[in-house]
PDB file of N, CA and C in Angstrom:
ATOM      1  N   MET A   1      89.437 302.911 186.858  1.00  0.00           N
ATOM      2  CA  MET A   1      88.157 302.099 187.745  1.00  0.00           C
ATOM      3  C   MET A   1      87.661 302.425 188.013  1.00  0.00           C
ATOM      4  N   ALA A   2      86.314 302.083 188.622  1.00  0.00           N
ATOM      5  CA  ALA A   2      84.852 302.002 189.060  1.00  0.00           C
ATOM      6  C   ALA A   2      84.910 302.897 190.329  1.00  0.00           C
ATOM      7  N   ASN A   3      84.118 303.250 191.083  1.00  0.00           N
ATOM      8  CA  ASN A   3      83.742 304.112 191.952  1.00  0.00           C
ATOM      9  C   ASN A   3      82.338 303.535 192.436  1.00  0.00           C
ATOM     10  N   GLY A   4      82.141 302.046 193.150  1.00  0.00           N
ATOM     11  CA  GLY A   4      81.138 301.472 194.004  1.00  0.00           C
ATOM     12  C   GLY A   4      79.886 301.084 192.689  1.00  0.00           C
ATOM     13  N   GLU A   5      78.976 301.503 192.753  1.00  0.00           N
ATOM     14  CA  GLU A   5      77.988 301.178 192.084  1.00  0.00           C
ATOM     15  C   GLU A   5      77.236 302.658 191.850  1.00  0.00           C
ATOM     16  N   SER A   6      77.868 303.674 192.068  1.00  0.00           N
ATOM     17  CA  SER A   6      78.051 305.081 191.625  1.00  0.00           C
ATOM     18  C   SER A   6      78.055 305.729 190.313  1.00  0.00           C
ATOM     19  N   GLY A   7      78.574 304.361 189.452  1.00  0.00           N
ATOM     20  CA  GLY A   7      78.729 304.963 188.132  1.00  0.00           C
ATOM     21  C   GLY A   7      79.697 305.176 188.091  1.00  0.00           C
ATOM     22  N   ILE A   8      80.652 306.182 188.960  1.00  0.00           N
ATOM     23  CA  ILE A   8      80.665 307.345 188.719  1.00  0.00           C
ATOM     24  C   ILE A   8      82.685 306.580 188.173  1.00  0.00           C
ATOM     25  N   GLU A   9      83.606 306.857 186.699  1.00  0.00           N
ATOM     26  CA  GLU A   9      84.469 305.269 186.702  1.00  0.00           C
ATOM     27  C   GLU A   9      85.987 306.813 186.643  1.00  0.00           C
ATOM     28  N   PHE A  10      86.848 306.554 186.641  1.00  0.00           N
ATOM     29  CA  PHE A  10      88.094 307.455 186.328  1.00  0.00           C
ATOM     30  C   PHE A  10      89.449 306.526 185.312  1.00  0.00           C
ATOM     31  N   ASN A  11      90.097 307.821 185.188  1.00  0.00           N
ATOM     32  CA  ASN A  11      91.183 306.742 183.768  1.00  0.00           C
ATOM     33  C   ASN A  11      92.162 307.572 184.250  1.00  0.00           C
ATOM     34  N   PHE A  12      93.229 306.927 184.691  1.00  0.00           N
ATOM     35  CA  PHE A  12      94.578 307.617 184.821  1.00  0.00           C
ATOM     36  C   PHE A  12      95.424 307.117 183.931  1.00  0.00           C
ATOM     37  N   LYS A  13      96.608 307.909 183.566  1.00  0.00           N
ATOM     38  CA  LYS A  13      97.827 307.626 182.058  1.00  0.00           C
ATOM     39  C   LYS A  13      98.540 308.137 183.038  1.00  0.00           C
ATOM     40  N   MET A  14      99.930 307.537 182.668  1.00  0.00           N
ATOM     41  CA  MET A  14     101.080 307.834 182.859  1.00  0.00           C
ATOM     42  C   MET A  14     102.222 307.451 181.237  1.00  0.00           C
ATOM     43  N   ARG A  15     102.742 308.807 180.732  1.00  0.00           N
ATOM     44  CA  ARG A  15     103.765 308.145 179.673  1.00  0.00           C
ATOM     45  C   ARG A  15     104.814 308.960 180.311  1.00  0.00           C
ATOM     46  N   GLY A  16     106.356 307.549 180.197  1.00  0.00           N
ATOM     47  CA  GLY A  16     107.503 308.179 180.841  1.00  0.00           C
ATOM     48  C   GLY A  16     108.467 308.579 180.001  1.00  0.00           C
ATOM     49  N   GLY A  17     109.063 309.191 180.535  1.00  0.00           N
ATOM     50  CA  GLY A  17     110.473 309.608 179.420  1.00  0.00           C
ATOM     51  C   GLY A  17     111.611 309.820 179.994  1.00  0.00           C
ATOM     52  N   ALA A  18     112.792 310.063 179.723  1.00  0.00           N
ATOM     53  CA  ALA A  18     114.074 309.988 179.928  1.00  0.00           C
ATOM     54  C   ALA A  18     113.670 309.446 181.646  1.00  0.00           C
ATOM     55  N   PHE A  19     115.188 308.495 181.610  1.00  0.00           N
ATOM     56  CA  PHE A  19     115.479 307.915 183.036  1.00  0.00           C
ATOM     57  C   PHE A  19     117.223 308.006 183.207  1.00  0.00           C
ATOM     58  N   ASP A  20     117.661 308.803 184.584  1.00  0.00           N
ATOM     59  CA  ASP A  20     118.648 308.343 184.805  1.00  0.00           C
ATOM     60  C   ASP A  20     119.013 308.347 185.812  1.00  0.00           C
ATOM     61  N   PRO A  21     120.083 306.807 185.828  1.00  0.00           N
ATOM     62  CA  PRO A  21     120.152 305.961 186.442  1.00  0.00           C
ATOM     63  C   PRO A  21     120.856 306.207 187.308  1.00  0.00           C
ATOM     64  N   GLU A  22     121.448 307.451 187.214  1.00  0.00           N
ATOM     65  CA  GLU A  22     122.648 308.003 188.666  1.00  0.00           C
ATOM     66  C   GLU A  22     121.850 308.670 189.508  1.00  0.00           C
ATOM     67  N   THR A  23     120.832 309.129 189.181  1.00  0.00           N
ATOM     68  CA  THR A  23     119.880 310.026 190.600  1.00  0.00           C
ATOM     69  C   THR A  23     118.304 308.971 190.327  1.00  0.00           C
ATOM     70  N   GLY A  24     118.280 308.426 189.740  1.00  0.00           N
ATOM     71  CA  GLY A  24     117.722 307.365 190.072  1.00  0.00           C
ATOM     72  C   GLY A  24     115.487 308.573 189.373  1.00  0.00           C
ATOM     73  N   ALA A  25     115.567 308.629 188.668  1.00  0.00           N
ATOM     74  CA  ALA A  25     115.232 310.124 188.246  1.00  0.00           C
ATOM     75  C   ALA A  25     114.264 309.982 187.357  1.00  0.00           C
ATOM     76  N   LEU A  26     112.929 309.897 187.235  1.00  0.00           N
ATOM     77  CA  LEU A  26     112.331 309.347 185.903  1.00  0.00           C
ATOM     78  C   LEU A  26     111.458 310.391 185.416  1.00  0.00           C
ATOM     79  N   ASP A  27     111.283 311.044 184.339  1.00  0.00           N
ATOM     80  CA  ASP A  27     111.072 312.022 183.294  1.00  0.00           C
ATOM     81  C   ASP A  27     109.503 311.844 183.761  1.00  0.00           C
ATOM     82  N   MET A  28     108.554 312.086 184.025  1.00  0.00           N
ATOM     83  CA  MET A  28     107.237 311.404 183.282  1.00  0.00           C
ATOM     84  C   MET A  28     106.252 312.942 182.295  1.00  0.00           C
ATOM     85  N   GLU A  29     106.306 312.249 181.530  1.00  0.00           N
ATOM     86  CA  GLU A  29     106.138 313.289 179.620  1.00  0.00           C
ATOM     87  C   GLU A  29     104.607 313.653 180.030  1.00  0.00           C
ATOM     88  N   SER A  30     103.778 312.488 180.745  1.00  0.00           N
ATOM     89  CA  SER A  30     102.568 312.895 180.896  1.00  0.00           C
ATOM     90  C   SER A  30     101.922 312.507 181.890  1.00  0.00           C
ATOM     91  N   CYS A  31     100.756 312.957 182.309  1.00  0.00           N
ATOM     92  CA  CYS A  31      99.980 312.371 183.378  1.00  0.00           C
ATOM     93  C   CYS A  31      98.835 313.164 183.656  1.00  0.00           C
ATOM     94  N   GLU A  32      97.847 311.898 183.427  1.00  0.00           N
ATOM     95  CA  GLU A  32      96.569 312.984 182.850  1.00  0.00           C
ATOM     96  C   GLU A  32      95.559 311.576 183.726  1.00  0.00           C
ATOM     97  N   LEU A  33      94.278 312.870 184.788  1.00  0.00           N
ATOM     98  CA  LEU A  33      93.299 311.759 185.010  1.00  0.00           C
ATOM     99  C   LEU A  33      91.979 312.381 184.524  1.00  0.00           C
ATOM    100  N   LYS A  34      90.962 311.283 183.809  1.00  0.00           N
ATOM    101  CA  LYS A  34      89.873 311.755 183.222  1.00  0.00           C
ATOM    102  C   LYS A  34      88.498 311.125 184.275  1.00  0.00           C
ATOM    103  N   MET A  35      87.528 311.924 184.611  1.00  0.00           N
ATOM    104  CA  MET A  35      86.685 311.345 185.661  1.00  0.00           C
ATOM    105  C   MET A  35      85.060 311.359 184.216  1.00  0.00           C
ATOM    106  N   PHE A  36      84.547 309.994 184.446  1.00  0.00           N
ATOM    107  CA  PHE A  36      83.139 309.689 184.148  1.00  0.00           C
ATOM    108  C   PHE A  36      82.078 309.805 184.441  1.00  0.00           C
ATOM    109  N   HIS A  37      81.662 310.486 184.777  1.00  0.00           N
ATOM    110  CA  HIS A  37      80.341 310.804 185.895  1.00  0.00           C
ATOM    111  C   HIS A  37      78.992 310.408 184.487  1.00  0.00           C
ATOM    112  N   PRO A  38      77.711 309.348 185.592  1.00  0.00           N
ATOM    113  CA  PRO A  38      76.611 308.913 184.309  1.00  0.00           C
ATOM    114  C   PRO A  38      75.570 310.083 183.795  1.00  0.00           C
ATOM    115  N   ASN A  39      75.608 311.483 185.173  1.00  0.00           N
ATOM    116  CA  ASN A  39      74.872 312.084 184.903  1.00  0.00           C
ATOM    117  C   ASN A  39      75.125 313.505 183.939  1.00  0.00           C
ATOM    118  N   SER A  40      76.782 313.853 183.940  1.00  0.00           N
ATOM    119  CA  SER A  40      77.268 314.880 183.352  1.00  0.00           C
ATOM    120  C   SER A  40      77.983 314.279 181.908  1.00  0.00           C
ATOM    121  N   GLY A  41      78.394 313.388 182.122  1.00  0.00           N
ATOM    122  CA  GLY A  41      79.550 312.788 181.357  1.00  0.00           C
ATOM    123  C   GLY A  41      80.787 312.647 181.551  1.00  0.00           C
ATOM    124  N   ASN A  42      81.866 313.292 180.811  1.00  0.00           N
ATOM    125  CA  ASN A  42      83.195 313.054 181.160  1.00  0.00           C
ATOM    126  C   ASN A  42      84.247 314.532 181.434  1.00  0.00           C
ATOM    127  N   HIS A  43      85.020 314.404 182.813  1.00  0.00           N
ATOM    128  CA  HIS A  43      85.178 315.550 182.412  1.00  0.00           C
ATOM    129  C   HIS A  43      87.202 315.298 182.877  1.00  0.00           C
ATOM    130  N   ASP A  44      88.197 316.102 182.455  1.00  0.00           N
ATOM    131  CA  ASP A  44      89.455 316.045 182.775  1.00  0.00           C
ATOM    132  C   ASP A  44      89.826 316.670 183.657  1.00  0.00           C
ATOM    133  N   LEU A  45      90.342 316.437 185.011  1.00  0.00           N
ATOM    134  CA  LEU A  45      90.712 316.152 186.235  1.00  0.00           C
ATOM    135  C   LEU A  45      91.964 316.890 186.140  1.00  0.00           C
ATOM    136  N   PHE A  46      92.953 316.778 185.933  1.00  0.00           N
ATOM    137  CA  PHE A  46      94.069 317.329 185.377  1.00  0.00           C
ATOM    138  C   PHE A  46      94.910 316.399 184.281  1.00  0.00           C
ATOM    139  N   ARG A  47      95.874 317.273 184.121  1.00  0.00           N
ATOM    140  CA  ARG A  47      96.810 317.101 182.916  1.00  0.00           C
ATOM    141  C   ARG A  47      98.367 317.652 183.387  1.00  0.00           C
ATOM    142  N   THR A  48      99.459 316.475 183.793  1.00  0.00           N
ATOM    143  CA  THR A  48     100.481 317.105 183.894  1.00  0.00           C
ATOM    144  C   THR A  48     101.951 316.825 184.038  1.00  0.00           C
ATOM    145  N   ALA A  49     103.128 317.052 183.898  1.00  0.00           N
ATOM    146  CA  ALA A  49     104.534 316.460 183.522  1.00  0.00           C
ATOM    147  C   ALA A  49     105.024 316.341 185.041  1.00  0.00           C
ATOM    148  N   THR A  50     106.073 315.865 185.236  1.00  0.00           N
ATOM    149  CA  THR A  50     106.648 315.769 186.605  1.00  0.00           C
ATOM    150  C   THR A  50     108.210 315.056 186.444  1.00  0.00           C
ATOM    151  N   THR A  51     108.511 314.893 187.305  1.00  0.00           N
ATOM    152  CA  THR A  51     109.962 314.195 187.415  1.00  0.00           C
ATOM    153  C   THR A  51     110.105 313.548 188.884  1.00  0.00           C
ATOM    154  N   ILE A  52     109.332 311.975 189.008  1.00  0.00           N
ATOM    155  CA  ILE A  52     110.139 311.502 189.853  1.00  0.00           C
ATOM    156  C   ILE A  52     111.120 310.411 190.484  1.00  0.00           C
ATOM    157  N   TYR A  53     111.711 310.965 191.477  1.00  0.00           N
ATOM    158  CA  TYR A  53     112.983 310.125 191.871  1.00  0.00           C
ATOM    159  C   TYR A  53     112.620 308.660 192.850  1.00  0.00           C
ATOM    160  N   SER A  54     113.344 308.003 192.409  1.00  0.00           N
ATOM    161  CA  SER A  54     113.873 306.404 192.802  1.00  0.00           C
ATOM    162  C   SER A  54     113.744 306.775 194.643  1.00  0.00           C
ATOM    163  N   GLY A  55     112.824 305.952 194.993  1.00  0.00           N
ATOM    164  CA  GLY A  55     112.384 306.047 196.198  1.00  0.00           C
ATOM    165  C   GLY A  55     111.396 307.357 197.061  1.00  0.00           C
ATOM    166  N   GLY A  56     111.337 308.315 195.619  1.00  0.00           N
ATOM    167  CA  GLY A  56     110.851 309.244 196.477  1.00  0.00           C
ATOM    168  C   GLY A  56     108.628 309.439 196.016  1.00  0.00           C
ATOM    169  N   TYR A  57     108.359 310.649 195.687  1.00  0.00           N
ATOM    170  CA  TYR A  57     106.745 310.452 195.679  1.00  0.00           C
ATOM    171  C   TYR A  57     106.580 311.445 194.785  1.00  0.00           C
ATOM    172  N   ALA A  58     105.238 311.225 194.319  1.00  0.00           N
ATOM    173  CA  ALA A  58     104.663 312.802 193.609  1.00  0.00           C
ATOM    174  C   ALA A  58     103.999 313.174 194.227  1.00  0.00           C
ATOM    175  N   VAL A  59     102.988 313.797 194.041  1.00  0.00           N
ATOM    176  CA  VAL A  59     101.548 314.163 194.572  1.00  0.00           C
ATOM    177  C   VAL A  59     101.213 315.281 193.482  1.00  0.00           C
ATOM    178  N   LEU A  60     100.436 314.058 192.744  1.00  0.00           N
ATOM    179  CA  LEU A  60      99.397 314.959 191.744  1.00  0.00           C
ATOM    180  C   LEU A  60      98.046 314.971 191.865  1.00  0.00           C
ATOM    181  N   GLY A  61      97.768 316.361 191.429  1.00  0.00           N
ATOM    182  CA  GLY A  61      96.248 316.536 192.024  1.00  0.00           C
ATOM    183  C   GLY A  61      95.586 317.775 191.425  1.00  0.00           C
ATOM    184  N   VAL A  62      94.183 318.012 192.311  1.00  0.00           N
ATOM    185  CA  VAL A  62      93.374 319.291 191.923  1.00  0.00           C
ATOM    186  C   VAL A  62      92.770 319.637 192.831  1.00  0.00           C
ATOM    187  N   THR A  63      92.842 320.912 193.288  1.00  0.00           N
ATOM    188  CA  THR A  63      91.811 321.575 194.607  1.00  0.00           C
ATOM    189  C   THR A  63      90.566 322.195 194.052  1.00  0.00           C
ATOM    190  N   GLY A  64      89.717 322.687 195.095  1.00  0.00           N
ATOM    191  CA  GLY A  64      89.209 323.279 195.186  1.00  0.00           C
ATOM    192  C   GLY A  64      87.668 322.568 195.191  1.00  0.00           C
ATOM    193  N   ALA A  65      86.288 323.024 195.169  1.00  0.00           N
ATOM    194  CA  ALA A  65      85.343 322.203 195.898  1.00  0.00           C
ATOM    195  C   ALA A  65      84.970 321.115 196.074  1.00  0.00           C
ATOM    196  N   GLU A  66      86.162 320.105 195.684  1.00  0.00           N
ATOM    197  CA  GLU A  66      86.129 318.290 195.664  1.00  0.00           C
ATOM    198  C   GLU A  66      87.533 318.257 195.737  1.00  0.00           C
ATOM    199  N   PRO A  67      88.518 318.590 195.953  1.00  0.00           N
ATOM    200  CA  PRO A  67      89.921 318.417 196.173  1.00  0.00           C
ATOM    201  C   PRO A  67      89.821 316.916 195.871  1.00  0.00           C
ATOM    202  N   LEU A  68      91.242 316.693 194.991  1.00  0.00           N
ATOM    203  CA  LEU A  68      91.505 314.767 194.319  1.00  0.00           C
ATOM    204  C   LEU A  68      92.979 314.947 194.881  1.00  0.00           C
ATOM    205  N   PHE A  69      93.766 314.173 195.446  1.00  0.00           N
ATOM    206  CA  PHE A  69      95.221 314.045 195.037  1.00  0.00           C
ATOM    207  C   PHE A  69      95.724 312.576 195.036  1.00  0.00           C
ATOM    208  N   LEU A  70      96.682 312.533 193.810  1.00  0.00           N
ATOM    209  CA  LEU A  70      96.881 310.931 193.215  1.00  0.00           C
ATOM    210  C   LEU A  70      98.553 311.198 194.057  1.00  0.00           C
ATOM    211  N   VAL A  71      98.715 309.988 194.729  1.00  0.00           N
ATOM    212  CA  VAL A  71     100.620 310.282 195.358  1.00  0.00           C
ATOM    213  C   VAL A  71     100.943 309.043 194.372  1.00  0.00           C
ATOM    214  N   VAL A  72     101.808 308.596 193.511  1.00  0.00           N
ATOM    215  CA  VAL A  72     103.041 308.257 192.962  1.00  0.00           C
ATOM    216  C   VAL A  72     104.217 307.863 193.669  1.00  0.00           C
ATOM    217  N   GLN A  73     104.771 306.504 194.247  1.00  0.00           N
ATOM    218  CA  GLN A  73     105.584 306.133 194.719  1.00  0.00           C
ATOM    219  C   GLN A  73     106.698 305.328 193.680  1.00  0.00           C
ATOM    220  N   LEU A  74     108.061 305.710 193.267  1.00  0.00           N
ATOM    221  CA  LEU A  74     109.182 305.077 192.098  1.00  0.00           C
ATOM    222  C   LEU A  74     109.535 304.355 192.947  1.00  0.00           C
ATOM    223  N   HIS A  75     110.033 303.005 193.011  1.00  0.00           N
ATOM    224  CA  HIS A  75     110.427 301.519 193.558  1.00  0.00           C
ATOM    225  C   HIS A  75     111.478 301.375 192.440  1.00  0.00           C
ATOM    226  N   PRO A  76     112.697 301.143 192.521  1.00  0.00           N
ATOM    227  CA  PRO A  76     113.396 300.115 191.845  1.00  0.00           C
ATOM    228  C   PRO A  76     113.817 298.862 191.502  1.00  0.00           C
ATOM    229  N   VAL A  77     113.027 298.031 190.547  1.00  0.00           N
ATOM    230  CA  VAL A  77     113.117 296.666 190.581  1.00  0.00           C
ATOM    231  C   VAL A  77     113.719 295.757 189.904  1.00  0.00           C
ATOM    232  N   GLN A  78     114.457 295.174 190.695  1.00  0.00           N
ATOM    233  CA  GLN A  78     115.620 294.330 189.875  1.00  0.00           C
ATOM    234  C   GLN A  78     115.288 293.348 188.906  1.00  0.00           C
ATOM    235  N   GLY A  79     115.553 292.913 187.634  1.00  0.00           N
ATOM    236  CA  GLY A  79     115.392 292.027 187.073  1.00  0.00           C
ATOM    237  C   GLY A  79     115.096 290.875 186.934  1.00  0.00           C
ATOM    238  N   LEU A  80     114.423 289.483 186.164  1.00  0.00           N
ATOM    239  CA  LEU A  80     114.250 288.249 186.624  1.00  0.00           C
ATOM    240  C   LEU A  80     115.186 287.675 185.888  1.00  0.00           C
ATOM    241  N   ARG A  81     116.248 286.867 186.323  1.00  0.00           N
ATOM    242  CA  ARG A  81     117.446 285.820 185.731  1.00  0.00           C
ATOM    243  C   ARG A  81     116.935 284.856 185.615  1.00  0.00           C
TER     244      ARG A  81
END
């Protein structure tokens, strides 16, 4: 995803793991966010693992001079028939 005309680009990747249908818990084995800035190149912003529960939120991010947070919510989806 690009950030307007600044040339800054973000790349977010998630890799899911096990899902527990009884609790609605989804293990996210890898969540990573990278940024490309045209003046300074690539930057790894964060890489983590977490568990998200159905209907719940997970807040991922970094703190510092320029804090950045990404909120992910898990919703159940019914299959099409």
